[in-house]
């Protein structure tokens, strides 16, 4: 019986230590996503959607060869600023984009 009480105490401690914070974190993430969706919907309804800057044609500014252009995501998708094409899965820009002349000279998007 003493071993069973110890096991129950151990399992309860693990659940209390790891389970409750995981549940709270999941709940907070869900609420924040829901709030973000609501804010995006309100922004669209009020016409506050951000207008993206046009792609300045980085392949022209950087004098890329035809071979390099044929493999370039930015060249294949000219409707989007080039640095948006090179974001990683987490949404972060590459270091090369942050220091790029095209990125620094691009016009600031206007909120309409």
C-alpha atoms as a PDB file:
ATOM      1  CA  UNK A   1       0.000   0.000   0.000  1.00  0.00           C
ATOM      2  CA  UNK A   2       2.884   2.343   0.771  1.00  0.00           C
ATOM      3  CA  UNK A   3       4.338   1.740  -2.714  1.00  0.00           C
ATOM      4  CA  UNK A   4       1.027   2.633  -4.326  1.00  0.00           C
ATOM      5  CA  UNK A   5       0.835   5.900  -2.369  1.00  0.00           C
ATOM      6  CA  UNK A   6       4.368   6.726  -3.450  1.00  0.00           C
ATOM      7  CA  UNK A   7       3.514   6.015  -7.084  1.00  0.00           C
ATOM      8  CA  UNK A   8       0.385   8.170  -6.899  1.00  0.00           C
ATOM      9  CA  UNK A   9       2.387  10.983  -5.296  1.00  0.00           C
ATOM     10  CA  UNK A  10       5.054  10.712  -7.989  1.00  0.00           C
ATOM     11  CA  UNK A  11       2.541  10.710 -10.853  1.00  0.00           C
ATOM     12  CA  UNK A  12       0.614  13.580  -9.265  1.00  0.00           C
ATOM     13  CA  UNK A  13       3.814  15.576  -8.868  1.00  0.00           C
ATOM     14  CA  UNK A  14       4.771  15.034 -12.506  1.00  0.00           C
ATOM     15  CA  UNK A  15       1.303  16.031 -13.687  1.00  0.00           C
ATOM     16  CA  UNK A  16       1.321  19.068 -11.424  1.00  0.00           C
ATOM     17  CA  UNK A  17       4.861  20.087 -12.472  1.00  0.00           C
ATOM     18  CA  UNK A  18       4.545  19.541 -16.241  1.00  0.00           C
ATOM     19  CA  UNK A  19       0.899  18.991 -17.112  1.00  0.00           C
ATOM     20  CA  UNK A  20      -0.631  22.112 -15.632  1.00  0.00           C
ATOM     21  CA  UNK A  21       1.940  24.525 -17.180  1.00  0.00           C
ATOM     22  CA  UNK A  22       1.495  22.792 -20.561  1.00  0.00           C
ATOM     23  CA  UNK A  23      -2.279  23.170 -20.335  1.00  0.00           C
ATOM     24  CA  UNK A  24      -2.025  26.826 -19.292  1.00  0.00           C
ATOM     25  CA  UNK A  25       0.455  27.553 -22.105  1.00  0.00           C
ATOM     26  CA  UNK A  26      -1.778  25.857 -24.667  1.00  0.00           C
ATOM     27  CA  UNK A  27      -4.768  27.866 -23.441  1.00  0.00           C
ATOM     28  CA  UNK A  28      -2.845  31.160 -23.641  1.00  0.00           C
ATOM     29  CA  UNK A  29      -1.632  30.380 -27.186  1.00  0.00           C
ATOM     30  CA  UNK A  30      -5.169  29.523 -28.276  1.00  0.00           C
ATOM     31  CA  UNK A  31      -6.536  32.756 -26.782  1.00  0.00           C
ATOM     32  CA  UNK A  32      -3.802  34.867 -28.393  1.00  0.00           C
ATOM     33  CA  UNK A  33      -4.429  33.315 -31.814  1.00  0.00           C
ATOM     34  CA  UNK A  34      -8.125  33.966 -31.442  1.00  0.00           C
ATOM     35  CA  UNK A  35      -7.429  37.572 -30.467  1.00  0.00           C
ATOM     36  CA  UNK A  36      -5.093  37.999 -33.440  1.00  0.00           C
ATOM     37  CA  UNK A  37      -7.744  36.688 -35.828  1.00  0.00           C
ATOM     38  CA  UNK A  38     -10.261  39.120 -34.357  1.00  0.00           C
ATOM     39  CA  UNK A  39      -7.851  42.035 -34.747  1.00  0.00           C
ATOM     40  CA  UNK A  40      -7.084  41.051 -38.344  1.00  0.00           C
ATOM     41  CA  UNK A  41     -10.796  40.874 -39.120  1.00  0.00           C
ATOM     42  CA  UNK A  42     -11.388  44.300 -37.540  1.00  0.00           C
ATOM     43  CA  UNK A  43      -8.467  45.785 -39.500  1.00  0.00           C
ATOM     44  CA  UNK A  44      -9.904  44.455 -42.765  1.00  0.00           C
ATOM     45  CA  UNK A  45     -13.344  45.820 -41.917  1.00  0.00           C
ATOM     46  CA  UNK A  46     -11.923  49.252 -41.099  1.00  0.00           C
ATOM     47  CA  UNK A  47      -9.694  49.302 -44.178  1.00  0.00           C
ATOM     48  CA  UNK A  48      -6.477  49.286 -42.194  1.00  0.00           C
ATOM     49  CA  UNK A  49      -4.919  46.470 -44.172  1.00  0.00           C
ATOM     50  CA  UNK A  50      -1.285  47.138 -44.928  1.00  0.00           C
ATOM     51  CA  UNK A  51      -0.337  47.680 -48.547  1.00  0.00           C
ATOM     52  CA  UNK A  52       2.867  45.868 -49.412  1.00  0.00           C
ATOM     53  CA  UNK A  53       5.783  47.611 -51.049  1.00  0.00           C
ATOM     54  CA  UNK A  54       6.377  46.628 -54.635  1.00  0.00           C
ATOM     55  CA  UNK A  55       9.308  44.431 -55.469  1.00  0.00           C
ATOM     56  CA  UNK A  56      12.100  46.772 -56.551  1.00  0.00           C
ATOM     57  CA  UNK A  57      13.590  44.112 -58.836  1.00  0.00           C
ATOM     58  CA  UNK A  58      16.565  43.089 -56.744  1.00  0.00           C
ATOM     59  CA  UNK A  59      17.830  40.941 -59.606  1.00  0.00           C
ATOM     60  CA  UNK A  60      18.370  44.124 -61.622  1.00  0.00           C
ATOM     61  CA  UNK A  61      20.007  46.029 -58.777  1.00  0.00           C
ATOM     62  CA  UNK A  62      22.292  43.095 -57.912  1.00  0.00           C
ATOM     63  CA  UNK A  63      23.027  42.398 -61.607  1.00  0.00           C
ATOM     64  CA  UNK A  64      22.072  38.728 -61.339  1.00  0.00           C
ATOM     65  CA  UNK A  65      22.844  36.463 -64.291  1.00  0.00           C
ATOM     66  CA  UNK A  66      20.075  34.692 -66.192  1.00  0.00           C
ATOM     67  CA  UNK A  67      21.140  31.400 -64.600  1.00  0.00           C
ATOM     68  CA  UNK A  68      20.837  32.844 -61.107  1.00  0.00           C
ATOM     69  CA  UNK A  69      17.474  34.438 -61.981  1.00  0.00           C
ATOM     70  CA  UNK A  70      16.046  31.132 -63.173  1.00  0.00           C
ATOM     71  CA  UNK A  71      16.598  29.638 -59.687  1.00  0.00           C
ATOM     72  CA  UNK A  72      15.559  32.748 -57.742  1.00  0.00           C
ATOM     73  CA  UNK A  73      12.316  32.794 -55.716  1.00  0.00           C
ATOM     74  CA  UNK A  74      12.109  36.600 -55.895  1.00  0.00           C
ATOM     75  CA  UNK A  75      12.403  36.632 -59.688  1.00  0.00           C
ATOM     76  CA  UNK A  76       9.684  33.999 -60.004  1.00  0.00           C
ATOM     77  CA  UNK A  77       7.368  35.943 -57.667  1.00  0.00           C
ATOM     78  CA  UNK A  78       7.780  39.636 -58.624  1.00  0.00           C
ATOM     79  CA  UNK A  79       4.513  40.748 -56.991  1.00  0.00           C
ATOM     80  CA  UNK A  80       6.032  40.371 -53.531  1.00  0.00           C
ATOM     81  CA  UNK A  81       9.081  42.218 -52.161  1.00  0.00           C
ATOM     82  CA  UNK A  82      12.132  40.012 -52.611  1.00  0.00           C
ATOM     83  CA  UNK A  83      12.924  39.667 -48.891  1.00  0.00           C
ATOM     84  CA  UNK A  84       9.464  38.180 -48.264  1.00  0.00           C
ATOM     85  CA  UNK A  85      10.377  35.304 -50.584  1.00  0.00           C
ATOM     86  CA  UNK A  86      13.421  34.413 -48.518  1.00  0.00           C
ATOM     87  CA  UNK A  87      11.847  34.249 -45.065  1.00  0.00           C
ATOM     88  CA  UNK A  88      12.340  30.999 -43.171  1.00  0.00           C
ATOM     89  CA  UNK A  89       9.459  28.941 -41.772  1.00  0.00           C
ATOM     90  CA  UNK A  90       9.456  31.006 -38.574  1.00  0.00           C
ATOM     91  CA  UNK A  91       9.065  34.247 -40.540  1.00  0.00           C
ATOM     92  CA  UNK A  92      12.582  35.523 -39.888  1.00  0.00           C
ATOM     93  CA  UNK A  93      14.631  37.144 -42.609  1.00  0.00           C
ATOM     94  CA  UNK A  94      17.992  35.833 -43.705  1.00  0.00           C
ATOM     95  CA  UNK A  95      21.050  37.765 -42.567  1.00  0.00           C
ATOM     96  CA  UNK A  96      21.894  38.561 -46.185  1.00  0.00           C
ATOM     97  CA  UNK A  97      18.504  40.287 -46.598  1.00  0.00           C
ATOM     98  CA  UNK A  98      18.968  42.447 -43.513  1.00  0.00           C
ATOM     99  CA  UNK A  99      22.185  43.901 -44.890  1.00  0.00           C
ATOM    100  CA  UNK A 100      20.992  44.162 -48.492  1.00  0.00           C
ATOM    101  CA  UNK A 101      20.873  47.524 -50.263  1.00  0.00           C
ATOM    102  CA  UNK A 102      17.516  46.632 -51.834  1.00  0.00           C
ATOM    103  CA  UNK A 103      15.970  46.001 -48.401  1.00  0.00           C
ATOM    104  CA  UNK A 104      17.299  49.273 -46.966  1.00  0.00           C
ATOM    105  CA  UNK A 105      16.223  51.416 -49.928  1.00  0.00           C
ATOM    106  CA  UNK A 106      12.737  49.907 -50.284  1.00  0.00           C
ATOM    107  CA  UNK A 107       9.822  52.273 -49.662  1.00  0.00           C
ATOM    108  CA  UNK A 108       8.056  51.970 -46.342  1.00  0.00           C
ATOM    109  CA  UNK A 109       4.635  50.316 -46.710  1.00  0.00           C
ATOM    110  CA  UNK A 110       1.727  52.715 -46.328  1.00  0.00           C
ATOM    111  CA  UNK A 111      -1.308  51.984 -44.209  1.00  0.00           C
ATOM    112  CA  UNK A 112      -4.399  53.002 -46.112  1.00  0.00           C
END
